[in-house]
């Protein structure tokens, strides 16, 4: 590991307990900072309600002064009761297609995160995946904390244990097999991030609006790499929030995720294009193995600061 990264680990890695909630509220009020929490959601009726309820109870209504000013669920086309459950639990629910209707939406998590900048107003934007189980408010307060107490910090990732079933530390398979090797080989200054692909991170809006967003699963790696080049390593940080429990993808879905992440890395290495951005996987059928070919996400949204509607809103 680079000496710079070793120093960064000691300087920019914390635990959620390092900053008590009352300290964060005081810092937030003194600076006048506003915080938006965004949950991108697709068919998450089983978990989204409990996450919303926890944030509302522990970080909005159950304390003298709210830490979170805005709690938004962006529904990307759920066919279950995700939107209904989230609204009943106390979130403002916005459908992906209602945001920036001038620009036709494409499928993908990154697309939802990008559009959420137009649907929120907080100085700090905190993203939380909607499939988490046994959710703790520390996932939000922990990663928002450094942004409220240290003006030099601009981007904070959550770090945590990721069990796979009963096996501790065996989750995050795409991280260990794809993302971590890519980062260590090509962006070694990012080698200190424990969960580079984690969906829980908080960022200053002033940085987010300057970054391009890969529309699919490559969004986490893309934002992290681009943030490094935009503001430097010392503006990035990570906070230990404990254990992350969520629904795990099957092997084929992980393969598609890995391809999107590799493509995102390749574009940032060469700013070129894949010759053939598709991935073929095999599933056994009655007659043997059957190939299924899927497109690999190749589209990215430009920095939100370049979007006319966003610029008009800022002037207003």
Protein backbone atom coordinates (compact mmCIF):
# COMPACT_ATOMS: atom_id res chain seq x y z
CA UNK A 1 0.00 0.00 0.00
CA UNK A 2 1.21 3.50 -0.82
CA UNK A 3 2.51 5.50 2.12
CA UNK A 4 0.03 8.22 1.17
CA UNK A 5 -2.82 5.74 1.56
CA UNK A 6 -1.53 4.51 4.92
CA UNK A 7 -1.49 8.09 6.18
CA UNK A 8 -4.97 8.64 4.72
CA UNK A 9 -6.32 5.59 6.53
CA UNK A 10 -5.24 7.04 9.84
CA UNK A 11 -6.47 10.52 9.04
CA UNK A 12 -9.71 9.90 7.13
CA UNK A 13 -11.17 6.67 8.58
CA UNK A 14 -13.55 6.88 11.53
CA UNK A 15 -16.36 5.04 13.27
CA UNK A 16 -19.91 6.32 13.60
CA UNK A 17 -19.39 6.60 17.37
CA UNK A 18 -16.61 9.15 16.91
CA UNK A 19 -19.20 11.88 16.36
CA UNK A 20 -22.18 11.79 18.76
CA UNK A 21 -25.51 12.91 17.37
CA UNK A 22 -25.70 16.04 19.52
CA UNK A 23 -22.31 17.14 18.17
CA UNK A 24 -23.54 16.70 14.59
CA UNK A 25 -26.72 18.65 15.23
CA UNK A 26 -24.78 21.51 16.79
CA UNK A 27 -22.35 21.62 13.87
CA UNK A 28 -25.20 21.46 11.36
CA UNK A 29 -27.09 24.32 12.98
CA UNK A 30 -23.98 26.47 13.32
CA UNK A 31 -23.11 26.10 9.65
CA UNK A 32 -26.68 26.19 8.37
CA UNK A 33 -26.08 23.04 6.34
CA UNK A 34 -29.05 21.11 4.96
CA UNK A 35 -29.09 17.33 4.48
CA UNK A 36 -31.07 15.26 1.99
CA UNK A 37 -31.35 11.47 2.27
CA UNK A 38 -32.15 9.65 -0.98
CA UNK A 39 -33.24 6.02 -1.30
CA UNK A 40 -33.20 4.68 -4.88
CA UNK A 41 -35.82 1.93 -4.93
CA UNK A 42 -37.01 -0.78 -7.30
CA UNK A 43 -39.40 -3.39 -5.88
CA UNK A 44 -38.24 -2.98 -2.28
CA UNK A 45 -41.59 -3.05 -0.44
CA UNK A 46 -40.20 -5.55 2.11
CA UNK A 47 -37.48 -3.23 3.42
CA UNK A 48 -37.98 0.39 2.32
CA UNK A 49 -40.62 1.15 4.95
CA UNK A 50 -38.46 0.19 7.92
CA UNK A 51 -35.54 2.28 6.60
CA UNK A 52 -37.75 5.34 6.13
CA UNK A 53 -39.33 4.89 9.57
CA UNK A 54 -35.91 4.64 11.25
CA UNK A 55 -34.55 7.77 9.58
CA UNK A 56 -37.73 9.70 10.36
CA UNK A 57 -37.88 8.53 13.99
CA UNK A 58 -34.20 8.84 14.90
CA UNK A 59 -32.96 11.69 12.72
CA UNK A 60 -35.98 13.91 12.03
CA UNK A 61 -38.84 13.70 14.53
CA UNK A 62 -37.36 12.05 17.61
CA UNK A 63 -34.70 14.66 18.35
CA UNK A 64 -34.89 18.36 19.36
CA UNK A 65 -33.50 19.53 16.01
CA UNK A 66 -33.57 17.37 12.87
CA UNK A 67 -30.34 16.09 11.38
CA UNK A 68 -32.10 15.24 8.12
CA UNK A 69 -34.09 17.93 6.33
CA UNK A 70 -35.34 15.94 3.36
CA UNK A 71 -36.14 12.22 3.02
CA UNK A 72 -36.86 11.17 -0.56
CA UNK A 73 -37.50 7.77 -2.14
CA UNK A 74 -36.98 7.76 -5.90
CA UNK A 75 -38.98 4.89 -7.39
CA UNK A 76 -37.49 3.63 -10.63
CA UNK A 77 -40.54 1.71 -11.83
CA UNK A 78 -41.51 -0.70 -9.06
CA UNK A 79 -44.29 -3.19 -9.79
CA UNK A 80 -44.93 -3.89 -6.09
CA UNK A 81 -46.06 -1.57 -3.27
CA UNK A 82 -42.69 0.17 -2.81
CA UNK A 83 -44.05 3.68 -3.42
CA UNK A 84 -47.10 3.14 -1.19
CA UNK A 85 -45.08 1.66 1.66
CA UNK A 86 -42.44 4.41 1.49
CA UNK A 87 -45.02 7.19 1.47
CA UNK A 88 -46.94 5.66 4.36
CA UNK A 89 -43.69 5.43 6.35
CA UNK A 90 -43.10 9.14 5.89
CA UNK A 91 -40.93 9.65 2.83
CA UNK A 92 -41.60 11.93 -0.10
CA UNK A 93 -41.87 9.57 -3.04
CA UNK A 94 -40.94 10.72 -6.54
CA UNK A 95 -41.05 8.55 -9.63
CA UNK A 96 -37.90 8.58 -11.72
CA UNK A 97 -39.81 9.55 -14.88
CA UNK A 98 -41.29 12.64 -13.20
CA UNK A 99 -37.83 14.16 -12.78
CA UNK A 100 -36.40 15.97 -15.81
CA UNK A 101 -39.16 14.67 -18.13
CA UNK A 102 -37.46 16.40 -21.06
CA UNK A 103 -34.73 13.75 -20.91
CA UNK A 104 -36.09 10.20 -21.45
CA UNK A 105 -35.07 7.94 -18.57
CA UNK A 106 -33.04 4.80 -19.05
CA UNK A 107 -32.95 1.82 -16.66
CA UNK A 108 -30.23 1.79 -14.03
CA UNK A 109 -29.34 2.76 -10.50
CA UNK A 110 -27.00 5.54 -11.58
CA UNK A 111 -29.79 7.12 -13.61
CA UNK A 112 -31.93 7.33 -10.46
CA UNK A 113 -29.13 8.83 -8.36
CA UNK A 114 -28.36 11.41 -11.05
CA UNK A 115 -32.00 12.51 -11.32
CA UNK A 116 -32.31 12.68 -7.54
CA UNK A 117 -30.11 15.79 -7.57
CA UNK A 118 -32.92 17.57 -9.38
CA UNK A 119 -35.52 16.28 -6.90
CA UNK A 120 -33.64 17.37 -3.75
CA UNK A 121 -32.13 20.57 -2.39
CA UNK A 122 -29.80 19.60 0.48
CA UNK A 123 -26.23 20.89 0.67
CA UNK A 124 -25.26 17.32 1.57
CA UNK A 125 -26.83 14.38 -0.28
CA UNK A 126 -26.77 11.01 1.44
CA UNK A 127 -27.55 7.91 -0.64
CA UNK A 128 -28.84 4.74 1.06
CA UNK A 129 -29.82 1.51 -0.69
CA UNK A 130 -33.44 0.53 -0.09
CA UNK A 131 -32.86 -3.22 0.39
CA UNK A 132 -31.06 -3.04 3.76
CA UNK A 133 -32.30 -5.16 6.67
CA UNK A 134 -31.88 -4.39 10.39
CA UNK A 135 -31.17 -0.81 9.37
CA UNK A 136 -29.54 1.57 11.82
CA UNK A 137 -29.71 5.37 11.68
CA UNK A 138 -25.92 5.30 12.09
CA UNK A 139 -25.72 4.46 8.38
CA UNK A 140 -26.86 8.05 7.78
CA UNK A 141 -25.49 9.98 10.77
CA UNK A 142 -22.14 8.19 10.53
CA UNK A 143 -21.39 9.17 6.94
CA UNK A 144 -22.96 12.61 7.14
CA UNK A 145 -20.94 13.40 10.26
CA UNK A 146 -17.56 14.25 8.70
CA UNK A 147 -19.24 16.54 6.18
CA UNK A 148 -20.88 18.51 8.99
CA UNK A 149 -17.80 18.79 11.19
CA UNK A 150 -14.88 19.05 8.74
CA UNK A 151 -15.12 21.54 5.85
CA UNK A 152 -12.24 19.84 4.05
CA UNK A 153 -14.16 16.55 3.62
CA UNK A 154 -16.38 16.32 0.55
CA UNK A 155 -17.15 12.61 -0.04
CA UNK A 156 -17.72 9.94 2.64
CA UNK A 157 -18.29 6.22 2.04
CA UNK A 158 -19.71 3.83 4.62
CA UNK A 159 -17.64 0.77 5.50
CA UNK A 160 -19.03 -2.32 7.19
CA UNK A 161 -18.92 -6.09 7.50
CA UNK A 162 -20.85 -7.87 4.74
CA UNK A 163 -21.83 -11.43 5.70
CA UNK A 164 -23.08 -13.86 3.06
CA UNK A 165 -25.74 -15.90 4.83
CA UNK A 166 -24.06 -17.23 7.97
CA UNK A 167 -20.56 -16.70 6.60
CA UNK A 168 -19.00 -13.50 7.99
CA UNK A 169 -17.06 -11.33 5.60
CA UNK A 170 -18.02 -13.27 2.48
CA UNK A 171 -20.37 -10.68 0.97
CA UNK A 172 -19.21 -8.12 -1.56
CA UNK A 173 -18.11 -10.66 -4.14
CA UNK A 174 -17.97 -8.17 -7.01
CA UNK A 175 -15.96 -5.84 -4.80
CA UNK A 176 -13.31 -8.47 -4.08
CA UNK A 177 -13.18 -10.04 -7.55
CA UNK A 178 -13.51 -6.96 -9.75
CA UNK A 179 -13.50 -3.55 -8.07
CA UNK A 180 -10.68 -4.01 -5.58
CA UNK A 181 -8.23 -5.43 -8.15
CA UNK A 182 -9.11 -2.62 -10.58
CA UNK A 183 -8.60 0.08 -7.96
CA UNK A 184 -5.35 -1.39 -6.64
CA UNK A 185 -3.90 -1.76 -10.12
CA UNK A 186 -5.09 1.48 -11.72
CA UNK A 187 -6.05 3.85 -8.91
CA UNK A 188 -3.87 2.70 -5.99
CA UNK A 189 -4.65 5.89 -4.06
CA UNK A 190 -8.17 4.45 -3.61
CA UNK A 191 -6.90 1.11 -2.26
CA UNK A 192 -7.76 2.11 1.31
CA UNK A 193 -11.53 2.08 0.76
CA UNK A 194 -13.04 -0.95 2.49
CA UNK A 195 -16.33 -0.84 0.56
CA UNK A 196 -15.71 1.06 -2.69
CA UNK A 197 -18.94 -0.25 -4.25
CA UNK A 198 -21.14 0.28 -1.19
CA UNK A 199 -24.41 2.07 -1.84
CA UNK A 200 -24.25 4.19 1.31
CA UNK A 201 -22.29 7.41 0.89
CA UNK A 202 -22.74 11.12 1.52
CA UNK A 203 -21.38 13.88 -0.72
CA UNK A 204 -21.49 17.64 -0.85
CA UNK A 205 -23.88 18.75 -3.58
CA UNK A 206 -21.24 21.17 -4.84
CA UNK A 207 -19.13 18.15 -5.80
CA UNK A 208 -21.90 15.82 -7.00
CA UNK A 209 -23.25 18.34 -9.47
CA UNK A 210 -19.82 18.48 -11.15
CA UNK A 211 -19.48 14.72 -11.70
CA UNK A 212 -20.76 12.55 -14.57
CA UNK A 213 -22.97 9.62 -13.50
CA UNK A 214 -22.72 6.19 -15.13
CA UNK A 215 -26.35 5.18 -15.50
CA UNK A 216 -25.97 1.61 -14.24
CA UNK A 217 -24.09 -0.43 -11.64
CA UNK A 218 -20.82 1.33 -12.42
CA UNK A 219 -22.02 4.50 -10.71
CA UNK A 220 -20.30 3.88 -7.37
CA UNK A 221 -16.90 3.18 -8.89
CA UNK A 222 -17.27 6.02 -11.38
CA UNK A 223 -18.17 8.61 -8.75
CA UNK A 224 -15.33 7.51 -6.47
CA UNK A 225 -12.69 7.65 -9.21
CA UNK A 226 -13.93 10.97 -10.56
CA UNK A 227 -14.13 12.46 -7.06
CA UNK A 228 -10.48 11.51 -6.51
CA UNK A 229 -9.44 13.32 -9.67
CA UNK A 230 -11.68 16.31 -8.93
CA UNK A 231 -10.95 17.06 -5.25
CA UNK A 232 -8.06 14.78 -4.26
CA UNK A 233 -7.69 11.92 -1.79
CA UNK A 234 -7.69 14.01 1.38
CA UNK A 235 -11.22 15.25 0.61
CA UNK A 236 -12.46 11.63 0.65
CA UNK A 237 -13.18 9.63 3.81
CA UNK A 238 -14.89 6.52 5.18
CA UNK A 239 -16.82 5.69 8.35
CA UNK A 240 -17.39 2.30 9.97
CA UNK A 241 -21.13 1.82 10.57
CA UNK A 242 -21.12 -1.84 11.65
CA UNK A 243 -22.78 -4.63 9.66
CA UNK A 244 -24.68 -4.40 6.39
CA UNK A 245 -27.42 -6.96 5.76
CA UNK A 246 -29.26 -6.97 2.45
CA UNK A 247 -30.65 -9.12 -0.34
CA UNK A 248 -27.86 -10.83 -2.28
CA UNK A 249 -27.84 -11.13 -6.06
CA UNK A 250 -27.40 -14.45 -7.85
CA UNK A 251 -24.24 -15.25 -9.78
CA UNK A 252 -25.58 -14.20 -13.16
CA UNK A 253 -26.69 -10.81 -11.87
CA UNK A 254 -23.27 -10.36 -10.29
CA UNK A 255 -21.69 -11.08 -13.66
CA UNK A 256 -23.70 -8.30 -15.28
CA UNK A 257 -22.77 -5.98 -12.45
CA UNK A 258 -19.10 -6.86 -12.85
CA UNK A 259 -19.22 -6.14 -16.58
CA UNK A 260 -20.74 -2.71 -15.99
CA UNK A 261 -18.10 -1.90 -13.39
CA UNK A 262 -15.28 -3.04 -15.66
CA UNK A 263 -16.67 -0.92 -18.47
CA UNK A 264 -16.84 2.12 -16.18
CA UNK A 265 -13.21 1.60 -15.24
CA UNK A 266 -12.15 1.15 -18.85
CA UNK A 267 -13.77 4.40 -19.92
CA UNK A 268 -11.95 6.24 -17.16
CA UNK A 269 -8.66 4.66 -18.12
CA UNK A 270 -8.85 5.44 -21.80
CA UNK A 271 -11.89 7.65 -22.29
CA UNK A 272 -12.54 5.32 -25.19
CA UNK A 273 -15.40 2.95 -25.96
CA UNK A 274 -15.87 -0.77 -25.76
CA UNK A 275 -15.73 -2.43 -29.16
CA UNK A 276 -18.71 -4.62 -28.32
CA UNK A 277 -20.43 -3.64 -25.07
CA UNK A 278 -22.37 -6.84 -24.43
CA UNK A 279 -22.01 -9.76 -22.02
CA UNK A 280 -23.05 -13.34 -22.77
CA UNK A 281 -23.87 -15.63 -19.84
CA UNK A 282 -25.05 -19.24 -19.75
CA UNK A 283 -27.96 -20.89 -17.98
CA UNK A 284 -28.79 -24.58 -18.11
CA UNK A 285 -32.10 -25.35 -19.79
CA UNK A 286 -33.89 -28.63 -20.65
CA UNK A 287 -31.67 -29.05 -23.71
CA UNK A 288 -28.41 -27.98 -22.10
CA UNK A 289 -26.69 -24.63 -21.63
CA UNK A 290 -28.48 -21.69 -23.21
CA UNK A 291 -26.65 -18.41 -23.93
CA UNK A 292 -28.24 -15.13 -22.89
CA UNK A 293 -26.69 -11.90 -24.06
CA UNK A 294 -27.16 -8.63 -22.18
CA UNK A 295 -26.10 -5.10 -23.06
CA UNK A 296 -23.45 -3.54 -20.82
CA UNK A 297 -24.33 -0.01 -19.72
CA UNK A 298 -22.43 2.41 -21.95
CA UNK A 299 -24.27 5.64 -21.28
CA UNK A 300 -23.35 8.28 -18.74
CA UNK A 301 -25.26 11.35 -17.66
CA UNK A 302 -23.35 14.65 -17.77
CA UNK A 303 -22.63 16.67 -14.63
CA UNK A 304 -25.93 18.01 -13.30
CA UNK A 305 -24.48 21.53 -13.34
CA UNK A 306 -24.68 21.36 -17.15
CA UNK A 307 -28.42 20.63 -17.22
CA UNK A 308 -30.53 23.66 -18.11
CA UNK A 309 -33.36 22.94 -15.67
CA UNK A 310 -30.93 22.54 -12.79
CA UNK A 311 -29.18 25.80 -13.64
CA UNK A 312 -32.52 27.62 -13.78
CA UNK A 313 -33.49 26.22 -10.37
CA UNK A 314 -30.22 27.42 -8.84
CA UNK A 315 -30.72 30.96 -10.17
CA UNK A 316 -34.29 30.98 -8.84
